[in-house]
Amino acid sequence: MSEKLPVISGKDLLKLLEKLGFRITRINGIHYRMKHDDDRVTTIPVHKNDPIPKGLLRKILREDVQITPEELKGLL
């Protein structure tokens, strides 16, 4: 059964990913491109303090950042 995802804004996710070693490589409008030293990359949309949609957050965690929702909750 899938774990419930927390509600998190793009700004907060940027800060969290920076703690995990990601760094901002490019900004195009509202989209922040981030890269890790091990070549993982992701793009985070930052719409003021609006939360990231659940499906997009799940995709970012699973495919790009490669952490589980439980690990995300532990980092918050």
PDB file of N, CA and C in Angstrom:
ATOM      1  N   MET A   1       0.838  -1.179   0.000  1.00  0.00           N
ATOM      2  CA  MET A   1       0.000   0.000   0.000  1.00  0.00           C
ATOM      3  C   MET A   1       0.885   1.245   0.000  1.00  0.00           C
ATOM      4  N   SER A   2       0.504   2.231  -0.768  1.00  0.00           N
ATOM      5  CA  SER A   2       1.357   3.406  -0.909  1.00  0.00           C
ATOM      6  C   SER A   2       1.270   4.308   0.320  1.00  0.00           C
ATOM      7  N   GLU A   3       2.379   4.912   0.637  1.00  0.00           N
ATOM      8  CA  GLU A   3       2.497   5.834   1.769  1.00  0.00           C
ATOM      9  C   GLU A   3       1.936   7.194   1.374  1.00  0.00           C
ATOM     10  N   LYS A   4       1.244   7.862   2.308  1.00  0.00           N
ATOM     11  CA  LYS A   4       0.730   9.202   2.031  1.00  0.00           C
ATOM     12  C   LYS A   4       1.880  10.187   1.914  1.00  0.00           C
ATOM     13  N   LEU A   5       1.772  11.031   0.908  1.00  0.00           N
ATOM     14  CA  LEU A   5       2.802  12.041   0.690  1.00  0.00           C
ATOM     15  C   LEU A   5       2.484  13.291   1.487  1.00  0.00           C
ATOM     16  N   PRO A   6       3.495  13.961   2.008  1.00  0.00           N
ATOM     17  CA  PRO A   6       3.250  15.232   2.693  1.00  0.00           C
ATOM     18  C   PRO A   6       2.968  16.331   1.678  1.00  0.00           C
ATOM     19  N   VAL A   7       2.304  17.382   2.122  1.00  0.00           N
ATOM     20  CA  VAL A   7       2.094  18.563   1.283  1.00  0.00           C
ATOM     21  C   VAL A   7       3.340  19.425   1.429  1.00  0.00           C
ATOM     22  N   ILE A   8       3.998  19.704   0.293  1.00  0.00           N
ATOM     23  CA  ILE A   8       5.251  20.450   0.329  1.00  0.00           C
ATOM     24  C   ILE A   8       5.285  21.418  -0.853  1.00  0.00           C
ATOM     25  N   SER A   9       5.770  22.619  -0.595  1.00  0.00           N
ATOM     26  CA  SER A   9       5.860  23.611  -1.669  1.00  0.00           C
ATOM     27  C   SER A   9       7.162  23.405  -2.449  1.00  0.00           C
ATOM     28  N   GLY A  10       7.243  24.019  -3.613  1.00  0.00           N
ATOM     29  CA  GLY A  10       8.449  23.932  -4.423  1.00  0.00           C
ATOM     30  C   GLY A  10       9.651  24.521  -3.710  1.00  0.00           C
ATOM     31  N   LYS A  11       9.436  25.661  -3.010  1.00  0.00           N
ATOM     32  CA  LYS A  11      10.536  26.298  -2.272  1.00  0.00           C
ATOM     33  C   LYS A  11      11.084  25.369  -1.197  1.00  0.00           C
ATOM     34  N   ASP A  12      10.182  24.717  -0.467  1.00  0.00           N
ATOM     35  CA  ASP A  12      10.624  23.804   0.592  1.00  0.00           C
ATOM     36  C   ASP A  12      11.337  22.582   0.010  1.00  0.00           C
ATOM     37  N   LEU A  13      10.854  22.093  -1.133  1.00  0.00           N
ATOM     38  CA  LEU A  13      11.511  20.947  -1.755  1.00  0.00           C
ATOM     39  C   LEU A  13      12.906  21.321  -2.245  1.00  0.00           C
ATOM     40  N   LEU A  14      13.073  22.531  -2.754  1.00  0.00           N
ATOM     41  CA  LEU A  14      14.408  22.996  -3.160  1.00  0.00           C
ATOM     42  C   LEU A  14      15.372  22.957  -1.983  1.00  0.00           C
ATOM     43  N   LYS A  15      14.946  23.485  -0.834  1.00  0.00           N
ATOM     44  CA  LYS A  15      15.797  23.502   0.361  1.00  0.00           C
ATOM     45  C   LYS A  15      16.147  22.086   0.804  1.00  0.00           C
ATOM     46  N   LEU A  16      15.163  21.198   0.772  1.00  0.00           N
ATOM     47  CA  LEU A  16      15.376  19.819   1.192  1.00  0.00           C
ATOM     48  C   LEU A  16      16.364  19.109   0.271  1.00  0.00           C
ATOM     49  N   LEU A  17      16.215  19.327  -1.037  1.00  0.00           N
ATOM     50  CA  LEU A  17      17.126  18.675  -1.982  1.00  0.00           C
ATOM     51  C   LEU A  17      18.545  19.225  -1.861  1.00  0.00           C
ATOM     52  N   GLU A  18      18.682  20.500  -1.530  1.00  0.00           N
ATOM     53  CA  GLU A  18      20.019  21.057  -1.311  1.00  0.00           C
ATOM     54  C   GLU A  18      20.688  20.386  -0.117  1.00  0.00           C
ATOM     55  N   LYS A  19      19.912  20.039   0.908  1.00  0.00           N
ATOM     56  CA  LYS A  19      20.467  19.302   2.054  1.00  0.00           C
ATOM     57  C   LYS A  19      20.946  17.915   1.642  1.00  0.00           C
ATOM     58  N   LEU A  20      20.294  17.342   0.611  1.00  0.00           N
ATOM     59  CA  LEU A  20      20.662  16.005   0.133  1.00  0.00           C
ATOM     60  C   LEU A  20      21.817  16.033  -0.862  1.00  0.00           C
ATOM     61  N   GLY A  21      22.341  17.222  -1.166  1.00  0.00           N
ATOM     62  CA  GLY A  21      23.488  17.315  -2.045  1.00  0.00           C
ATOM     63  C   GLY A  21      23.178  17.778  -3.458  1.00  0.00           C
ATOM     64  N   PHE A  22      21.922  18.070  -3.758  1.00  0.00           N
ATOM     65  CA  PHE A  22      21.578  18.608  -5.074  1.00  0.00           C
ATOM     66  C   PHE A  22      21.924  20.092  -5.096  1.00  0.00           C
ATOM     67  N   ARG A  23      22.226  20.591  -6.305  1.00  0.00           N
ATOM     68  CA  ARG A  23      22.493  22.023  -6.450  1.00  0.00           C
ATOM     69  C   ARG A  23      21.760  22.527  -7.681  1.00  0.00           C
ATOM     70  N   ILE A  24      21.390  23.794  -7.648  1.00  0.00           N
ATOM     71  CA  ILE A  24      20.673  24.397  -8.764  1.00  0.00           C
ATOM     72  C   ILE A  24      21.656  24.648  -9.892  1.00  0.00           C
ATOM     73  N   THR A  25      21.344  24.126 -11.073  1.00  0.00           N
ATOM     74  CA  THR A  25      22.223  24.313 -12.225  1.00  0.00           C
ATOM     75  C   THR A  25      21.641  25.309 -13.223  1.00  0.00           C
ATOM     76  N   ARG A  26      20.311  25.441 -13.249  1.00  0.00           N
ATOM     77  CA  ARG A  26      19.696  26.328 -14.227  1.00  0.00           C
ATOM     78  C   ARG A  26      18.303  26.712 -13.744  1.00  0.00           C
ATOM     79  N   ILE A  27      17.894  27.938 -14.045  1.00  0.00           N
ATOM     80  CA  ILE A  27      16.546  28.408 -13.733  1.00  0.00           C
ATOM     81  C   ILE A  27      15.947  28.929 -15.027  1.00  0.00           C
ATOM     82  N   ASN A  28      14.789  28.413 -15.383  1.00  0.00           N
ATOM     83  CA  ASN A  28      14.086  28.850 -16.580  1.00  0.00           C
ATOM     84  C   ASN A  28      12.661  29.203 -16.169  1.00  0.00           C
ATOM     85  N   GLY A  29      12.412  30.478 -15.908  1.00  0.00           N
ATOM     86  CA  GLY A  29      11.097  30.892 -15.435  1.00  0.00           C
ATOM     87  C   GLY A  29      10.847  30.367 -14.037  1.00  0.00           C
ATOM     88  N   ILE A  30       9.826  29.515 -13.897  1.00  0.00           N
ATOM     89  CA  ILE A  30       9.506  28.950 -12.586  1.00  0.00           C
ATOM     90  C   ILE A  30      10.130  27.578 -12.371  1.00  0.00           C
ATOM     91  N   HIS A  31      10.845  27.053 -13.370  1.00  0.00           N
ATOM     92  CA  HIS A  31      11.410  25.714 -13.280  1.00  0.00           C
ATOM     93  C   HIS A  31      12.883  25.767 -12.870  1.00  0.00           C
ATOM     94  N   TYR A  32      13.180  25.100 -11.767  1.00  0.00           N
ATOM     95  CA  TYR A  32      14.540  25.027 -11.234  1.00  0.00           C
ATOM     96  C   TYR A  32      15.105  23.651 -11.559  1.00  0.00           C
ATOM     97  N   ARG A  33      16.197  23.628 -12.299  1.00  0.00           N
ATOM     98  CA  ARG A  33      16.860  22.377 -12.651  1.00  0.00           C
ATOM     99  C   ARG A  33      17.925  22.117 -11.598  1.00  0.00           C
ATOM    100  N   MET A  34      17.898  20.914 -11.004  1.00  0.00           N
ATOM    101  CA  MET A  34      18.858  20.570  -9.961  1.00  0.00           C
ATOM    102  C   MET A  34      19.615  19.306 -10.352  1.00  0.00           C
ATOM    103  N   LYS A  35      20.869  19.245  -9.925  1.00  0.00           N
ATOM    104  CA  LYS A  35      21.721  18.102 -10.247  1.00  0.00           C
ATOM    105  C   LYS A  35      22.504  17.686  -9.011  1.00  0.00           C
ATOM    106  N   HIS A  36      22.696  16.391  -8.886  1.00  0.00           N
ATOM    107  CA  HIS A  36      23.489  15.813  -7.805  1.00  0.00           C
ATOM    108  C   HIS A  36      24.833  15.392  -8.384  1.00  0.00           C
ATOM    109  N   ASP A  37      25.835  15.245  -7.552  1.00  0.00           N
ATOM    110  CA  ASP A  37      27.161  14.851  -8.014  1.00  0.00           C
ATOM    111  C   ASP A  37      27.164  13.472  -8.676  1.00  0.00           C
ATOM    112  N   ASP A  38      26.202  12.611  -8.324  1.00  0.00           N
ATOM    113  CA  ASP A  38      26.141  11.282  -8.940  1.00  0.00           C
ATOM    114  C   ASP A  38      25.264  11.269 -10.200  1.00  0.00           C
ATOM    115  N   ASP A  39      25.046  12.445 -10.790  1.00  0.00           N
ATOM    116  CA  ASP A  39      24.347  12.632 -12.070  1.00  0.00           C
ATOM    117  C   ASP A  39      22.830  12.462 -12.014  1.00  0.00           C
ATOM    118  N   ARG A  40      22.235  12.394 -10.828  1.00  0.00           N
ATOM    119  CA  ARG A  40      20.772  12.438 -10.757  1.00  0.00           C
ATOM    120  C   ARG A  40      20.342  13.871 -11.024  1.00  0.00           C
ATOM    121  N   VAL A  41      19.287  14.059 -11.820  1.00  0.00           N
ATOM    122  CA  VAL A  41      18.783  15.393 -12.126  1.00  0.00           C
ATOM    123  C   VAL A  41      17.269  15.422 -11.935  1.00  0.00           C
ATOM    124  N   THR A  42      16.754  16.599 -11.621  1.00  0.00           N
ATOM    125  CA  THR A  42      15.321  16.788 -11.491  1.00  0.00           C
ATOM    126  C   THR A  42      14.987  18.240 -11.786  1.00  0.00           C
ATOM    127  N   THR A  43      13.730  18.477 -12.103  1.00  0.00           N
ATOM    128  CA  THR A  43      13.235  19.826 -12.332  1.00  0.00           C
ATOM    129  C   THR A  43      12.095  20.080 -11.360  1.00  0.00           C
ATOM    130  N   ILE A  44      12.192  21.169 -10.597  1.00  0.00           N
ATOM    131  CA  ILE A  44      11.201  21.510  -9.583  1.00  0.00           C
ATOM    132  C   ILE A  44      10.465  22.783 -10.007  1.00  0.00           C
ATOM    133  N   PRO A  45       9.125  22.731 -10.119  1.00  0.00           N
ATOM    134  CA  PRO A  45       8.377  23.959 -10.396  1.00  0.00           C
ATOM    135  C   PRO A  45       8.143  24.725  -9.102  1.00  0.00           C
ATOM    136  N   VAL A  46       8.418  26.018  -9.106  1.00  0.00           N
ATOM    137  CA  VAL A  46       8.222  26.838  -7.908  1.00  0.00           C
ATOM    138  C   VAL A  46       7.174  27.903  -8.219  1.00  0.00           C
ATOM    139  N   HIS A  47       5.949  27.666  -7.762  1.00  0.00           N
ATOM    140  CA  HIS A  47       4.828  28.593  -7.937  1.00  0.00           C
ATOM    141  C   HIS A  47       4.551  29.248  -6.590  1.00  0.00           C
ATOM    142  N   LYS A  48       5.261  30.310  -6.267  1.00  0.00           N
ATOM    143  CA  LYS A  48       5.121  30.989  -4.979  1.00  0.00           C
ATOM    144  C   LYS A  48       5.209  29.955  -3.866  1.00  0.00           C
ATOM    145  N   ASN A  49       4.189  29.844  -3.026  1.00  0.00           N
ATOM    146  CA  ASN A  49       4.186  28.828  -1.969  1.00  0.00           C
ATOM    147  C   ASN A  49       3.140  27.759  -2.217  1.00  0.00           C
ATOM    148  N   ASP A  50       2.723  27.598  -3.472  1.00  0.00           N
ATOM    149  CA  ASP A  50       1.742  26.570  -3.806  1.00  0.00           C
ATOM    150  C   ASP A  50       2.368  25.191  -3.664  1.00  0.00           C
ATOM    151  N   PRO A  51       1.598  24.222  -3.176  1.00  0.00           N
ATOM    152  CA  PRO A  51       2.149  22.865  -3.034  1.00  0.00           C
ATOM    153  C   PRO A  51       2.349  22.211  -4.396  1.00  0.00           C
ATOM    154  N   ILE A  52       3.316  21.322  -4.457  1.00  0.00           N
ATOM    155  CA  ILE A  52       3.562  20.536  -5.667  1.00  0.00           C
ATOM    156  C   ILE A  52       2.473  19.477  -5.751  1.00  0.00           C
ATOM    157  N   PRO A  53       1.857  19.289  -6.923  1.00  0.00           N
ATOM    158  CA  PRO A  53       0.830  18.244  -7.065  1.00  0.00           C
ATOM    159  C   PRO A  53       1.367  16.871  -6.659  1.00  0.00           C
ATOM    160  N   LYS A  54       0.494  16.061  -6.059  1.00  0.00           N
ATOM    161  CA  LYS A  54       0.905  14.760  -5.506  1.00  0.00           C
ATOM    162  C   LYS A  54       1.561  13.862  -6.546  1.00  0.00           C
ATOM    163  N   GLY A  55       0.982  13.781  -7.745  1.00  0.00           N
ATOM    164  CA  GLY A  55       1.541  12.910  -8.786  1.00  0.00           C
ATOM    165  C   GLY A  55       2.934  13.340  -9.194  1.00  0.00           C
ATOM    166  N   LEU A  56       3.140  14.637  -9.347  1.00  0.00           N
ATOM    167  CA  LEU A  56       4.453  15.154  -9.719  1.00  0.00           C
ATOM    168  C   LEU A  56       5.460  14.920  -8.599  1.00  0.00           C
ATOM    169  N   LEU A  57       5.044  15.139  -7.355  1.00  0.00           N
ATOM    170  CA  LEU A  57       5.943  14.904  -6.225  1.00  0.00           C
ATOM    171  C   LEU A  57       6.351  13.440  -6.163  1.00  0.00           C
ATOM    172  N   ARG A  58       5.397  12.534  -6.367  1.00  0.00           N
ATOM    173  CA  ARG A  58       5.700  11.107  -6.344  1.00  0.00           C
ATOM    174  C   ARG A  58       6.689  10.744  -7.460  1.00  0.00           C
ATOM    175  N   LYS A  59       6.521  11.333  -8.653  1.00  0.00           N
ATOM    176  CA  LYS A  59       7.428  11.081  -9.779  1.00  0.00           C
ATOM    177  C   LYS A  59       8.825  11.604  -9.468  1.00  0.00           C
ATOM    178  N   ILE A  60       8.905  12.809  -8.902  1.00  0.00           N
ATOM    179  CA  ILE A  60      10.204  13.390  -8.558  1.00  0.00           C
ATOM    180  C   ILE A  60      10.930  12.510  -7.542  1.00  0.00           C
ATOM    181  N   LEU A  61      10.217  12.066  -6.519  1.00  0.00           N
ATOM    182  CA  LEU A  61      10.842  11.238  -5.482  1.00  0.00           C
ATOM    183  C   LEU A  61      11.270   9.883  -6.022  1.00  0.00           C
ATOM    184  N   ARG A  62      10.389   9.228  -6.763  1.00  0.00           N
ATOM    185  CA  ARG A  62      10.651   7.861  -7.219  1.00  0.00           C
ATOM    186  C   ARG A  62      11.686   7.803  -8.333  1.00  0.00           C
ATOM    187  N   GLU A  63      11.528   8.626  -9.373  1.00  0.00           N
ATOM    188  CA  GLU A  63      12.373   8.495 -10.551  1.00  0.00           C
ATOM    189  C   GLU A  63      13.613   9.383 -10.523  1.00  0.00           C
ATOM    190  N   ASP A  64      13.485  10.602 -10.013  1.00  0.00           N
ATOM    191  CA  ASP A  64      14.588  11.551 -10.094  1.00  0.00           C
ATOM    192  C   ASP A  64      15.491  11.511  -8.866  1.00  0.00           C
ATOM    193  N   VAL A  65      14.901  11.677  -7.694  1.00  0.00           N
ATOM    194  CA  VAL A  65      15.683  11.773  -6.457  1.00  0.00           C
ATOM    195  C   VAL A  65      15.987  10.391  -5.883  1.00  0.00           C
ATOM    196  N   GLN A  66      15.125   9.428  -6.165  1.00  0.00           N
ATOM    197  CA  GLN A  66      15.262   8.037  -5.728  1.00  0.00           C
ATOM    198  C   GLN A  66      15.251   7.888  -4.211  1.00  0.00           C
ATOM    199  N   ILE A  67      14.250   8.516  -3.584  1.00  0.00           N
ATOM    200  CA  ILE A  67      13.995   8.299  -2.160  1.00  0.00           C
ATOM    201  C   ILE A  67      12.524   7.941  -1.988  1.00  0.00           C
ATOM    202  N   THR A  68      12.198   7.326  -0.861  1.00  0.00           N
ATOM    203  CA  THR A  68      10.816   6.936  -0.580  1.00  0.00           C
ATOM    204  C   THR A  68      10.084   8.046   0.150  1.00  0.00           C
ATOM    205  N   PRO A  69       8.746   8.006   0.149  1.00  0.00           N
ATOM    206  CA  PRO A  69       7.992   8.995   0.919  1.00  0.00           C
ATOM    207  C   PRO A  69       8.337   8.981   2.402  1.00  0.00           C
ATOM    208  N   GLU A  70       8.683   7.796   2.939  1.00  0.00           N
ATOM    209  CA  GLU A  70       9.063   7.701   4.351  1.00  0.00           C
ATOM    210  C   GLU A  70      10.362   8.458   4.605  1.00  0.00           C
ATOM    211  N   GLU A  71      11.318   8.351   3.684  1.00  0.00           N
ATOM    212  CA  GLU A  71      12.578   9.081   3.826  1.00  0.00           C
ATOM    213  C   GLU A  71      12.339  10.581   3.730  1.00  0.00           C
ATOM    214  N   LEU A  72      11.420  10.995   2.851  1.00  0.00           N
ATOM    215  CA  LEU A  72      11.078  12.410   2.731  1.00  0.00           C
ATOM    216  C   LEU A  72      10.504  12.927   4.045  1.00  0.00           C
ATOM    217  N   LYS A  73       9.581  12.171   4.641  1.00  0.00           N
ATOM    218  CA  LYS A  73       8.981  12.585   5.915  1.00  0.00           C
ATOM    219  C   LYS A  73      10.038  12.692   7.007  1.00  0.00           C
ATOM    220  N   GLY A  74      11.015  11.801   6.995  1.00  0.00           N
ATOM    221  CA  GLY A  74      12.087  11.853   7.989  1.00  0.00           C
ATOM    222  C   GLY A  74      12.958  13.087   7.835  1.00  0.00           C
ATOM    223  N   LEU A  75      13.082  13.591   6.608  1.00  0.00           N
ATOM    224  CA  LEU A  75      13.909  14.768   6.360  1.00  0.00           C
ATOM    225  C   LEU A  75      13.188  16.073   6.674  1.00  0.00           C
ATOM    226  N   LEU A  76      11.853  16.027   6.728  1.00  0.00           N
ATOM    227  CA  LEU A  76      11.090  17.271   6.971  1.00  0.00           C
ATOM    228  C   LEU A  76      11.126  17.699   8.407  1.00  0.00           C
TER     229      LEU A  76
END
